[in-house]
């Protein structure tokens, strides 16, 4: 998708220099990918302590039959 955005030239220049990427597009795409990954991790961490575990971890560790993994 083509879009026009106004980004601070100094930020782009620093990002290009540090990352050693060759294009502004590559820098922006990398930044977006990393932002999405970081937000996904934070969203997952926000579930800590809120999800109730129901299962037998000892059985899962010893049962190596793929058909039993869905239980």
Protein backbone atom coordinates (compact mmCIF):
# COMPACT_ATOMS: atom_id res chain seq x y z
CA UNK A 1 0.00 0.00 0.00
CA UNK A 2 1.34 3.38 -0.92
CA UNK A 3 1.01 6.16 1.63
CA UNK A 4 2.60 9.51 2.36
CA UNK A 5 3.63 10.33 5.92
CA UNK A 6 5.73 13.08 7.42
CA UNK A 7 8.56 11.52 9.49
CA UNK A 8 11.34 13.42 11.22
CA UNK A 9 14.36 13.26 8.87
CA UNK A 10 16.78 12.94 11.77
CA UNK A 11 14.93 9.89 13.08
CA UNK A 12 14.99 8.21 9.70
CA UNK A 13 18.66 9.05 9.18
CA UNK A 14 19.60 7.65 12.61
CA UNK A 15 17.56 4.51 12.00
CA UNK A 16 19.18 4.00 8.60
CA UNK A 17 22.63 4.46 10.10
CA UNK A 18 22.09 2.19 13.10
CA UNK A 19 20.22 -0.55 11.25
CA UNK A 20 22.40 -0.43 8.15
CA UNK A 21 19.27 -0.89 6.10
CA UNK A 22 19.39 0.69 2.67
CA UNK A 23 15.95 2.25 2.28
CA UNK A 24 13.52 4.33 4.29
CA UNK A 25 10.83 1.81 3.43
CA UNK A 26 12.88 -0.99 5.01
CA UNK A 27 13.41 1.07 8.17
CA UNK A 28 9.70 1.86 8.51
CA UNK A 29 8.70 -1.77 7.85
CA UNK A 30 11.20 -3.05 10.43
CA UNK A 31 9.97 -0.52 12.99
CA UNK A 32 6.35 -1.54 12.39
CA UNK A 33 7.19 -5.25 12.64
CA UNK A 34 9.04 -4.72 15.91
CA UNK A 35 6.25 -2.55 17.30
CA UNK A 36 3.64 -5.20 16.46
CA UNK A 37 5.74 -7.96 18.05
CA UNK A 38 6.32 -5.89 21.20
CA UNK A 39 2.62 -5.05 21.54
CA UNK A 40 1.65 -8.70 21.01
CA UNK A 41 4.05 -9.74 23.80
CA UNK A 42 2.66 -7.06 26.11
CA UNK A 43 -0.90 -8.18 25.34
CA UNK A 44 0.07 -11.76 26.15
CA UNK A 45 1.78 -10.70 29.38
CA UNK A 46 -1.35 -8.84 30.43
CA UNK A 47 -3.12 -12.21 30.61
CA UNK A 48 -0.71 -13.46 33.30
CA UNK A 49 -2.72 -14.75 36.24
CA UNK A 50 -6.04 -14.33 34.42
CA UNK A 51 -6.21 -17.67 32.58
CA UNK A 52 -7.14 -20.73 34.61
CA UNK A 53 -5.13 -23.84 33.73
CA UNK A 54 -7.12 -27.06 33.47
CA UNK A 55 -5.02 -30.06 32.63
CA UNK A 56 -2.51 -32.58 33.86
CA UNK A 57 0.93 -31.25 33.10
CA UNK A 58 2.66 -34.42 34.32
CA UNK A 59 0.59 -36.52 31.92
CA UNK A 60 1.29 -34.14 29.05
CA UNK A 61 5.02 -34.37 29.72
CA UNK A 62 5.02 -38.17 29.56
CA UNK A 63 2.41 -38.75 26.86
CA UNK A 64 4.07 -38.62 23.45
CA UNK A 65 1.03 -39.60 21.38
CA UNK A 66 -0.02 -36.70 19.13
CA UNK A 67 -3.70 -37.72 19.27
CA UNK A 68 -3.71 -37.18 23.03
CA UNK A 69 -2.35 -33.63 22.83
CA UNK A 70 -5.75 -32.13 22.07
CA UNK A 71 -7.33 -33.29 25.33
